[in-house]
Amino acid sequence: MLLKMSWLSGVQDFLYFVQAWQVATRLRVLLDCMDVPDYRKRIDEIHNLQWLDRNIGINNSFHKDYGEVRWLLALLFDDSRYRALKWEMWRAPIEEG
């Protein structure tokens, strides 16, 4: 029974990781189209996410994707599943070249 619960927990952790990665990927795409300083688009750093949460509406409140960005940020901050993940787990791979 212990082995089965451990396996299930691993599957749930993986699914949470996939969801967090999808949220982060979509957020990166949307931020590329918005008036946000480039160094604040690095959402692998928690202080940039906090800054975005506070300031995204200053120059982007009329942007067509503003509501979705606010929703994605709320997912990252309010859902304990995402808080439990380390930010490094869903950091985008750096392309070399």
PDB file of N, CA and C in Angstrom:
ATOM      1  N   MET A   1       0.815  -1.195   0.000  1.00  0.00           N
ATOM      2  CA  MET A   1       0.000   0.000   0.000  1.00  0.00           C
ATOM      3  C   MET A   1       0.857   1.256   0.000  1.00  0.00           C
ATOM      4  N   LEU A   2       1.951   1.242   0.767  1.00  0.00           N
ATOM      5  CA  LEU A   2       2.831   2.387   0.830  1.00  0.00           C
ATOM      6  C   LEU A   2       3.450   2.678  -0.533  1.00  0.00           C
ATOM      7  N   LEU A   3       3.854   1.644  -1.241  1.00  0.00           N
ATOM      8  CA  LEU A   3       4.438   1.817  -2.565  1.00  0.00           C
ATOM      9  C   LEU A   3       3.422   2.421  -3.523  1.00  0.00           C
ATOM     10  N   LYS A   4       2.185   1.978  -3.473  1.00  0.00           N
ATOM     11  CA  LYS A   4       1.152   2.495  -4.362  1.00  0.00           C
ATOM     12  C   LYS A   4       0.896   3.974  -4.076  1.00  0.00           C
ATOM     13  N   MET A   5       0.830   4.377  -2.814  1.00  0.00           N
ATOM     14  CA  MET A   5       0.603   5.775  -2.475  1.00  0.00           C
ATOM     15  C   MET A   5       1.789   6.626  -2.916  1.00  0.00           C
ATOM     16  N   SER A   6       2.999   6.105  -2.777  1.00  0.00           N
ATOM     17  CA  SER A   6       4.189   6.832  -3.194  1.00  0.00           C
ATOM     18  C   SER A   6       4.169   7.054  -4.704  1.00  0.00           C
ATOM     19  N   TRP A   7       3.791   6.044  -5.464  1.00  0.00           N
ATOM     20  CA  TRP A   7       3.709   6.166  -6.917  1.00  0.00           C
ATOM     21  C   TRP A   7       2.663   7.199  -7.308  1.00  0.00           C
ATOM     22  N   LEU A   8       1.505   7.167  -6.648  1.00  0.00           N
ATOM     23  CA  LEU A   8       0.443   8.122  -6.949  1.00  0.00           C
ATOM     24  C   LEU A   8       0.882   9.540  -6.638  1.00  0.00           C
ATOM     25  N   SER A   9       1.578   9.706  -5.545  1.00  0.00           N
ATOM     26  CA  SER A   9       2.089  11.025  -5.185  1.00  0.00           C
ATOM     27  C   SER A   9       3.056  11.535  -6.252  1.00  0.00           C
ATOM     28  N   GLY A  10       3.886  10.645  -6.780  1.00  0.00           N
ATOM     29  CA  GLY A  10       4.814  11.034  -7.842  1.00  0.00           C
ATOM     30  C   GLY A  10       4.088  11.462  -9.102  1.00  0.00           C
ATOM     31  N   VAL A  11       3.010  10.774  -9.444  1.00  0.00           N
ATOM     32  CA  VAL A  11       2.216  11.141 -10.623  1.00  0.00           C
ATOM     33  C   VAL A  11       1.565  12.505 -10.406  1.00  0.00           C
ATOM     34  N   GLN A  12       1.022  12.743  -9.220  1.00  0.00           N
ATOM     35  CA  GLN A  12       0.405  14.031  -8.931  1.00  0.00           C
ATOM     36  C   GLN A  12       1.427  15.152  -8.994  1.00  0.00           C
ATOM     37  N   ASP A  13       2.618  14.926  -8.437  1.00  0.00           N
ATOM     38  CA  ASP A  13       3.668  15.935  -8.515  1.00  0.00           C
ATOM     39  C   ASP A  13       4.031  16.236  -9.960  1.00  0.00           C
ATOM     40  N   PHE A  14       4.116  15.197 -10.778  1.00  0.00           N
ATOM     41  CA  PHE A  14       4.428  15.400 -12.189  1.00  0.00           C
ATOM     42  C   PHE A  14       3.345  16.220 -12.879  1.00  0.00           C
ATOM     43  N   LEU A  15       2.078  15.912 -12.608  1.00  0.00           N
ATOM     44  CA  LEU A  15       0.988  16.661 -13.232  1.00  0.00           C
ATOM     45  C   LEU A  15       0.997  18.117 -12.789  1.00  0.00           C
ATOM     46  N   TYR A  16       1.294  18.381 -11.522  1.00  0.00           N
ATOM     47  CA  TYR A  16       1.393  19.761 -11.050  1.00  0.00           C
ATOM     48  C   TYR A  16       2.539  20.482 -11.748  1.00  0.00           C
ATOM     49  N   PHE A  17       3.659  19.776 -11.935  1.00  0.00           N
ATOM     50  CA  PHE A  17       4.792  20.354 -12.642  1.00  0.00           C
ATOM     51  C   PHE A  17       4.406  20.725 -14.067  1.00  0.00           C
ATOM     52  N   VAL A  18       3.704  19.831 -14.764  1.00  0.00           N
ATOM     53  CA  VAL A  18       3.284  20.094 -16.144  1.00  0.00           C
ATOM     54  C   VAL A  18       2.352  21.298 -16.195  1.00  0.00           C
ATOM     55  N   GLN A  19       1.407  21.378 -15.265  1.00  0.00           N
ATOM     56  CA  GLN A  19       0.493  22.518 -15.247  1.00  0.00           C
ATOM     57  C   GLN A  19       1.244  23.817 -14.986  1.00  0.00           C
ATOM     58  N   ALA A  20       2.175  23.803 -14.040  1.00  0.00           N
ATOM     59  CA  ALA A  20       2.949  25.011 -13.743  1.00  0.00           C
ATOM     60  C   ALA A  20       3.782  25.412 -14.949  1.00  0.00           C
ATOM     61  N   TRP A  21       4.350  24.436 -15.636  1.00  0.00           N
ATOM     62  CA  TRP A  21       5.152  24.741 -16.820  1.00  0.00           C
ATOM     63  C   TRP A  21       4.283  25.352 -17.912  1.00  0.00           C
ATOM     64  N   GLN A  22       3.056  24.836 -18.090  1.00  0.00           N
ATOM     65  CA  GLN A  22       2.148  25.385 -19.098  1.00  0.00           C
ATOM     66  C   GLN A  22       1.751  26.819 -18.755  1.00  0.00           C
ATOM     67  N   VAL A  23       1.486  27.077 -17.482  1.00  0.00           N
ATOM     68  CA  VAL A  23       1.144  28.435 -17.054  1.00  0.00           C
ATOM     69  C   VAL A  23       2.316  29.367 -17.318  1.00  0.00           C
ATOM     70  N   ALA A  24       3.522  28.946 -16.946  1.00  0.00           N
ATOM     71  CA  ALA A  24       4.707  29.780 -17.148  1.00  0.00           C
ATOM     72  C   ALA A  24       4.965  30.033 -18.625  1.00  0.00           C
ATOM     73  N   THR A  25       4.797  29.032 -19.451  1.00  0.00           N
ATOM     74  CA  THR A  25       5.011  29.185 -20.891  1.00  0.00           C
ATOM     75  C   THR A  25       4.021  30.174 -21.488  1.00  0.00           C
ATOM     76  N   ARG A  26       2.760  30.045 -21.136  1.00  0.00           N
ATOM     77  CA  ARG A  26       1.736  30.971 -21.646  1.00  0.00           C
ATOM     78  C   ARG A  26       2.001  32.391 -21.154  1.00  0.00           C
ATOM     79  N   LEU A  27       2.414  32.528 -19.909  1.00  0.00           N
ATOM     80  CA  LEU A  27       2.706  33.854 -19.367  1.00  0.00           C
ATOM     81  C   LEU A  27       3.869  34.501 -20.113  1.00  0.00           C
ATOM     82  N   ARG A  28       4.901  33.724 -20.432  1.00  0.00           N
ATOM     83  CA  ARG A  28       6.034  34.263 -21.201  1.00  0.00           C
ATOM     84  C   ARG A  28       5.578  34.770 -22.567  1.00  0.00           C
ATOM     85  N   VAL A  29       4.725  34.012 -23.239  1.00  0.00           N
ATOM     86  CA  VAL A  29       4.233  34.411 -24.561  1.00  0.00           C
ATOM     87  C   VAL A  29       3.462  35.721 -24.469  1.00  0.00           C
ATOM     88  N   LEU A  30       2.587  35.835 -23.494  1.00  0.00           N
ATOM     89  CA  LEU A  30       1.774  37.042 -23.357  1.00  0.00           C
ATOM     90  C   LEU A  30       2.621  38.254 -22.976  1.00  0.00           C
ATOM     91  N   LEU A  31       3.603  38.065 -22.117  1.00  0.00           N
ATOM     92  CA  LEU A  31       4.435  39.190 -21.697  1.00  0.00           C
ATOM     93  C   LEU A  31       5.275  39.740 -22.832  1.00  0.00           C
ATOM     94  N   ASP A  32       5.613  38.908 -23.812  1.00  0.00           N
ATOM     95  CA  ASP A  32       6.387  39.383 -24.954  1.00  0.00           C
ATOM     96  C   ASP A  32       5.628  40.424 -25.780  1.00  0.00           C
ATOM     97  N   CYS A  33       4.313  40.420 -25.693  1.00  0.00           N
ATOM     98  CA  CYS A  33       3.476  41.355 -26.457  1.00  0.00           C
ATOM     99  C   CYS A  33       3.081  42.584 -25.644  1.00  0.00           C
ATOM    100  N   MET A  34       3.552  42.686 -24.418  1.00  0.00           N
ATOM    101  CA  MET A  34       3.111  43.762 -23.540  1.00  0.00           C
ATOM    102  C   MET A  34       4.245  44.740 -23.257  1.00  0.00           C
ATOM    103  N   ASP A  35       3.860  45.906 -22.754  1.00  0.00           N
ATOM    104  CA  ASP A  35       4.817  46.951 -22.400  1.00  0.00           C
ATOM    105  C   ASP A  35       5.353  46.667 -20.999  1.00  0.00           C
ATOM    106  N   VAL A  36       6.382  45.820 -20.948  1.00  0.00           N
ATOM    107  CA  VAL A  36       7.018  45.407 -19.700  1.00  0.00           C
ATOM    108  C   VAL A  36       8.523  45.442 -19.944  1.00  0.00           C
ATOM    109  N   PRO A  37       9.303  45.979 -18.999  1.00  0.00           N
ATOM    110  CA  PRO A  37      10.761  45.954 -19.185  1.00  0.00           C
ATOM    111  C   PRO A  37      11.261  44.523 -19.392  1.00  0.00           C
ATOM    112  N   ASP A  38      12.238  44.376 -20.268  1.00  0.00           N
ATOM    113  CA  ASP A  38      12.743  43.040 -20.598  1.00  0.00           C
ATOM    114  C   ASP A  38      13.227  42.282 -19.374  1.00  0.00           C
ATOM    115  N   TYR A  39      13.914  42.965 -18.468  1.00  0.00           N
ATOM    116  CA  TYR A  39      14.439  42.256 -17.299  1.00  0.00           C
ATOM    117  C   TYR A  39      13.329  41.807 -16.354  1.00  0.00           C
ATOM    118  N   ARG A  40      12.125  42.365 -16.470  1.00  0.00           N
ATOM    119  CA  ARG A  40      10.993  41.927 -15.651  1.00  0.00           C
ATOM    120  C   ARG A  40      10.242  40.756 -16.284  1.00  0.00           C
ATOM    121  N   LYS A  41      10.571  40.431 -17.511  1.00  0.00           N
ATOM    122  CA  LYS A  41       9.935  39.291 -18.184  1.00  0.00           C
ATOM    123  C   LYS A  41      10.564  37.966 -17.770  1.00  0.00           C
ATOM    124  N   ARG A  42      11.610  38.017 -16.989  1.00  0.00           N
ATOM    125  CA  ARG A  42      12.254  36.789 -16.487  1.00  0.00           C
ATOM    126  C   ARG A  42      11.430  36.265 -15.327  1.00  0.00           C
ATOM    127  N   ILE A  43      10.464  35.411 -15.627  1.00  0.00           N
ATOM    128  CA  ILE A  43       9.544  34.960 -14.587  1.00  0.00           C
ATOM    129  C   ILE A  43      10.084  33.787 -13.791  1.00  0.00           C
ATOM    130  N   ASP A  44      11.339  33.432 -14.024  1.00  0.00           N
ATOM    131  CA  ASP A  44      11.952  32.399 -13.199  1.00  0.00           C
ATOM    132  C   ASP A  44      12.463  32.979 -11.883  1.00  0.00           C
ATOM    133  N   GLU A  45      12.350  34.296 -11.721  1.00  0.00           N
ATOM    134  CA  GLU A  45      12.769  34.948 -10.486  1.00  0.00           C
ATOM    135  C   GLU A  45      11.531  35.461  -9.761  1.00  0.00           C
ATOM    136  N   ILE A  46      11.397  35.071  -8.515  1.00  0.00           N
ATOM    137  CA  ILE A  46      10.184  35.366  -7.755  1.00  0.00           C
ATOM    138  C   ILE A  46       9.952  36.870  -7.614  1.00  0.00           C
ATOM    139  N   HIS A  47      11.009  37.659  -7.476  1.00  0.00           N
ATOM    140  CA  HIS A  47      10.798  39.101  -7.313  1.00  0.00           C
ATOM    141  C   HIS A  47      10.233  39.733  -8.584  1.00  0.00           C
ATOM    142  N   ASN A  48      10.526  39.165  -9.753  1.00  0.00           N
ATOM    143  CA  ASN A  48       9.920  39.672 -10.985  1.00  0.00           C
ATOM    144  C   ASN A  48       8.433  39.326 -11.046  1.00  0.00           C
ATOM    145  N   LEU A  49       8.073  38.140 -10.580  1.00  0.00           N
ATOM    146  CA  LEU A  49       6.648  37.790 -10.529  1.00  0.00           C
ATOM    147  C   LEU A  49       5.900  38.708  -9.573  1.00  0.00           C
ATOM    148  N   GLN A  50       6.511  39.014  -8.447  1.00  0.00           N
ATOM    149  CA  GLN A  50       5.878  39.928  -7.494  1.00  0.00           C
ATOM    150  C   GLN A  50       5.730  41.318  -8.097  1.00  0.00           C
ATOM    151  N   TRP A  51       6.753  41.771  -8.809  1.00  0.00           N
ATOM    152  CA  TRP A  51       6.695  43.073  -9.460  1.00  0.00           C
ATOM    153  C   TRP A  51       5.579  43.086 -10.506  1.00  0.00           C
ATOM    154  N   LEU A  52       5.506  42.043 -11.323  1.00  0.00           N
ATOM    155  CA  LEU A  52       4.449  41.954 -12.332  1.00  0.00           C
ATOM    156  C   LEU A  52       3.070  41.972 -11.690  1.00  0.00           C
ATOM    157  N   ASP A  53       2.920  41.255 -10.597  1.00  0.00           N
ATOM    158  CA  ASP A  53       1.636  41.213  -9.911  1.00  0.00           C
ATOM    159  C   ASP A  53       1.202  42.603  -9.463  1.00  0.00           C
ATOM    160  N   ARG A  54       2.155  43.412  -9.031  1.00  0.00           N
ATOM    161  CA  ARG A  54       1.834  44.773  -8.575  1.00  0.00           C
ATOM    162  C   ARG A  54       1.675  45.764  -9.721  1.00  0.00           C
ATOM    163  N   ASN A  55       2.477  45.636 -10.780  1.00  0.00           N
ATOM    164  CA  ASN A  55       2.631  46.728 -11.737  1.00  0.00           C
ATOM    165  C   ASN A  55       2.174  46.461 -13.168  1.00  0.00           C
ATOM    166  N   ILE A  56       1.714  45.276 -13.471  1.00  0.00           N
ATOM    167  CA  ILE A  56       1.381  44.940 -14.865  1.00  0.00           C
ATOM    168  C   ILE A  56       0.289  45.858 -15.431  1.00  0.00           C
ATOM    169  N   GLY A  57      -0.586  46.348 -14.591  1.00  0.00           N
ATOM    170  CA  GLY A  57      -1.699  47.160 -15.071  1.00  0.00           C
ATOM    171  C   GLY A  57      -1.354  48.599 -15.380  1.00  0.00           C
ATOM    172  N   ILE A  58      -0.175  49.062 -14.999  1.00  0.00           N
ATOM    173  CA  ILE A  58       0.164  50.473 -15.186  1.00  0.00           C
ATOM    174  C   ILE A  58       0.148  50.847 -16.657  1.00  0.00           C
ATOM    175  N   ASN A  59       0.836  50.116 -17.495  1.00  0.00           N
ATOM    176  CA  ASN A  59       0.879  50.430 -18.930  1.00  0.00           C
ATOM    177  C   ASN A  59       0.103  49.440 -19.789  1.00  0.00           C
ATOM    178  N   ASN A  60      -0.507  48.438 -19.158  1.00  0.00           N
ATOM    179  CA  ASN A  60      -1.125  47.375 -19.945  1.00  0.00           C
ATOM    180  C   ASN A  60      -2.576  47.100 -19.600  1.00  0.00           C
ATOM    181  N   SER A  61      -3.209  47.960 -18.833  1.00  0.00           N
ATOM    182  CA  SER A  61      -4.572  47.671 -18.370  1.00  0.00           C
ATOM    183  C   SER A  61      -5.576  47.606 -19.519  1.00  0.00           C
ATOM    184  N   PHE A  62      -5.258  48.201 -20.655  1.00  0.00           N
ATOM    185  CA  PHE A  62      -6.161  48.146 -21.808  1.00  0.00           C
ATOM    186  C   PHE A  62      -5.719  47.127 -22.853  1.00  0.00           C
ATOM    187  N   HIS A  63      -4.682  46.374 -22.551  1.00  0.00           N
ATOM    188  CA  HIS A  63      -4.203  45.344 -23.481  1.00  0.00           C
ATOM    189  C   HIS A  63      -5.228  44.212 -23.545  1.00  0.00           C
ATOM    190  N   LYS A  64      -5.384  43.633 -24.725  1.00  0.00           N
ATOM    191  CA  LYS A  64      -6.409  42.595 -24.911  1.00  0.00           C
ATOM    192  C   LYS A  64      -6.153  41.354 -24.053  1.00  0.00           C
ATOM    193  N   ASP A  65      -4.907  41.088 -23.666  1.00  0.00           N
ATOM    194  CA  ASP A  65      -4.574  39.905 -22.880  1.00  0.00           C
ATOM    195  C   ASP A  65      -4.335  40.216 -21.399  1.00  0.00           C
ATOM    196  N   TYR A  66      -4.662  41.420 -20.975  1.00  0.00           N
ATOM    197  CA  TYR A  66      -4.401  41.817 -19.588  1.00  0.00           C
ATOM    198  C   TYR A  66      -5.115  40.895 -18.593  1.00  0.00           C
ATOM    199  N   GLY A  67      -6.358  40.590 -18.848  1.00  0.00           N
ATOM    200  CA  GLY A  67      -7.119  39.729 -17.945  1.00  0.00           C
ATOM    201  C   GLY A  67      -6.513  38.347 -17.815  1.00  0.00           C
ATOM    202  N   GLU A  68      -6.048  37.799 -18.916  1.00  0.00           N
ATOM    203  CA  GLU A  68      -5.443  36.467 -18.871  1.00  0.00           C
ATOM    204  C   GLU A  68      -4.134  36.493 -18.089  1.00  0.00           C
ATOM    205  N   VAL A  69      -3.342  37.540 -18.260  1.00  0.00           N
ATOM    206  CA  VAL A  69      -2.087  37.649 -17.511  1.00  0.00           C
ATOM    207  C   VAL A  69      -2.373  37.734 -16.013  1.00  0.00           C
ATOM    208  N   ARG A  70      -3.370  38.528 -15.636  1.00  0.00           N
ATOM    209  CA  ARG A  70      -3.738  38.637 -14.213  1.00  0.00           C
ATOM    210  C   ARG A  70      -4.186  37.268 -13.676  1.00  0.00           C
ATOM    211  N   TRP A  71      -4.935  36.542 -14.487  1.00  0.00           N
ATOM    212  CA  TRP A  71      -5.415  35.226 -14.081  1.00  0.00           C
ATOM    213  C   TRP A  71      -4.248  34.251 -13.902  1.00  0.00           C
ATOM    214  N   LEU A  72      -3.292  34.268 -14.844  1.00  0.00           N
ATOM    215  CA  LEU A  72      -2.131  33.380 -14.749  1.00  0.00           C
ATOM    216  C   LEU A  72      -1.281  33.716 -13.526  1.00  0.00           C
ATOM    217  N   LEU A  73      -1.092  35.006 -13.260  1.00  0.00           N
ATOM    218  CA  LEU A  73      -0.346  35.401 -12.068  1.00  0.00           C
ATOM    219  C   LEU A  73      -1.061  34.940 -10.799  1.00  0.00           C
ATOM    220  N   ALA A  74      -2.384  35.061 -10.802  1.00  0.00           N
ATOM    221  CA  ALA A  74      -3.155  34.609  -9.636  1.00  0.00           C
ATOM    222  C   ALA A  74      -3.003  33.105  -9.442  1.00  0.00           C
ATOM    223  N   LEU A  75      -2.970  32.359 -10.531  1.00  0.00           N
ATOM    224  CA  LEU A  75      -2.747  30.912 -10.423  1.00  0.00           C
ATOM    225  C   LEU A  75      -1.405  30.618  -9.769  1.00  0.00           C
ATOM    226  N   LEU A  76      -0.390  31.336 -10.191  1.00  0.00           N
ATOM    227  CA  LEU A  76       0.943  31.081  -9.660  1.00  0.00           C
ATOM    228  C   LEU A  76       1.050  31.451  -8.187  1.00  0.00           C
ATOM    229  N   PHE A  77       0.339  32.482  -7.766  1.00  0.00           N
ATOM    230  CA  PHE A  77       0.466  32.941  -6.383  1.00  0.00           C
ATOM    231  C   PHE A  77      -0.540  32.303  -5.435  1.00  0.00           C
ATOM    232  N   ASP A  78      -1.745  32.018  -5.889  1.00  0.00           N
ATOM    233  CA  ASP A  78      -2.801  31.585  -4.984  1.00  0.00           C
ATOM    234  C   ASP A  78      -2.915  30.079  -4.828  1.00  0.00           C
ATOM    235  N   ASP A  79      -2.448  29.333  -5.770  1.00  0.00           N
ATOM    236  CA  ASP A  79      -2.614  27.889  -5.738  1.00  0.00           C
ATOM    237  C   ASP A  79      -1.430  27.248  -5.019  1.00  0.00           C
ATOM    238  N   SER A  80      -1.697  26.573  -3.938  1.00  0.00           N
ATOM    239  CA  SER A  80      -0.617  25.983  -3.146  1.00  0.00           C
ATOM    240  C   SER A  80       0.180  24.960  -3.940  1.00  0.00           C
ATOM    241  N   ARG A  81      -0.426  24.374  -4.973  1.00  0.00           N
ATOM    242  CA  ARG A  81       0.317  23.415  -5.797  1.00  0.00           C
ATOM    243  C   ARG A  81       1.492  24.103  -6.467  1.00  0.00           C
ATOM    244  N   TYR A  82       1.288  25.330  -6.940  1.00  0.00           N
ATOM    245  CA  TYR A  82       2.358  26.042  -7.621  1.00  0.00           C
ATOM    246  C   TYR A  82       3.362  26.601  -6.623  1.00  0.00           C
ATOM    247  N   ARG A  83       2.877  27.027  -5.469  1.00  0.00           N
ATOM    248  CA  ARG A  83       3.797  27.533  -4.452  1.00  0.00           C
ATOM    249  C   ARG A  83       4.720  26.434  -3.967  1.00  0.00           C
ATOM    250  N   ALA A  84       4.235  25.214  -3.968  1.00  0.00           N
ATOM    251  CA  ALA A  84       5.038  24.102  -3.477  1.00  0.00           C
ATOM    252  C   ALA A  84       6.178  23.752  -4.432  1.00  0.00           C
ATOM    253  N   LEU A  85       6.040  24.106  -5.679  1.00  0.00           N
ATOM    254  CA  LEU A  85       7.091  23.812  -6.651  1.00  0.00           C
ATOM    255  C   LEU A  85       8.230  24.817  -6.497  1.00  0.00           C
ATOM    256  N   LYS A  86       9.430  24.355  -6.717  1.00  0.00           N
ATOM    257  CA  LYS A  86      10.559  25.281  -6.734  1.00  0.00           C
ATOM    258  C   LYS A  86      10.536  25.992  -8.084  1.00  0.00           C
ATOM    259  N   TRP A  87      10.872  27.265  -8.078  1.00  0.00           N
ATOM    260  CA  TRP A  87      10.833  28.042  -9.325  1.00  0.00           C
ATOM    261  C   TRP A  87      11.759  27.439 -10.373  1.00  0.00           C
ATOM    262  N   GLU A  88      12.861  26.842  -9.929  1.00  0.00           N
ATOM    263  CA  GLU A  88      13.819  26.284 -10.882  1.00  0.00           C
ATOM    264  C   GLU A  88      13.247  25.105 -11.662  1.00  0.00           C
ATOM    265  N   MET A  89      12.219  24.451 -11.117  1.00  0.00           N
ATOM    266  CA  MET A  89      11.677  23.266 -11.787  1.00  0.00           C
ATOM    267  C   MET A  89      11.053  23.607 -13.126  1.00  0.00           C
ATOM    268  N   TRP A  90      10.457  24.793 -13.249  1.00  0.00           N
ATOM    269  CA  TRP A  90       9.796  25.103 -14.510  1.00  0.00           C
ATOM    270  C   TRP A  90      10.434  26.268 -15.233  1.00  0.00           C
ATOM    271  N   ARG A  91      11.681  26.529 -14.856  1.00  0.00           N
ATOM    272  CA  ARG A  91      12.438  27.574 -15.550  1.00  0.00           C
ATOM    273  C   ARG A  91      12.676  27.119 -16.994  1.00  0.00           C
ATOM    274  N   ALA A  92      12.503  28.023 -17.917  1.00  0.00           N
ATOM    275  CA  ALA A  92      12.682  27.673 -19.328  1.00  0.00           C
ATOM    276  C   ALA A  92      14.150  27.306 -19.581  1.00  0.00           C
ATOM    277  N   PRO A  93      14.368  26.277 -20.377  1.00  0.00           N
ATOM    278  CA  PRO A  93      15.759  25.920 -20.683  1.00  0.00           C
ATOM    279  C   PRO A  93      16.426  27.033 -21.471  1.00  0.00           C
ATOM    280  N   ILE A  94      17.673  27.300 -21.152  1.00  0.00           N
ATOM    281  CA  ILE A  94      18.434  28.346 -21.836  1.00  0.00           C
ATOM    282  C   ILE A  94      19.016  27.742 -23.090  1.00  0.00           C
ATOM    283  N   GLU A  95      18.719  28.391 -24.205  1.00  0.00           N
ATOM    284  CA  GLU A  95      19.228  27.906 -25.480  1.00  0.00           C
ATOM    285  C   GLU A  95      20.649  28.409 -25.684  1.00  0.00           C
ATOM    286  N   GLU A  96      21.519  27.494 -26.002  1.00  0.00           N
ATOM    287  CA  GLU A  96      22.911  27.881 -26.265  1.00  0.00           C
ATOM    288  C   GLU A  96      23.097  28.003 -27.766  1.00  0.00           C
ATOM    289  N   GLY A  97      23.932  28.937 -28.130  1.00  0.00           N
ATOM    290  CA  GLY A  97      24.189  29.032 -29.552  1.00  0.00           C
ATOM    291  C   GLY A  97      24.579  30.322 -29.997  1.00  0.00           C
TER     292      GLY A  97
END
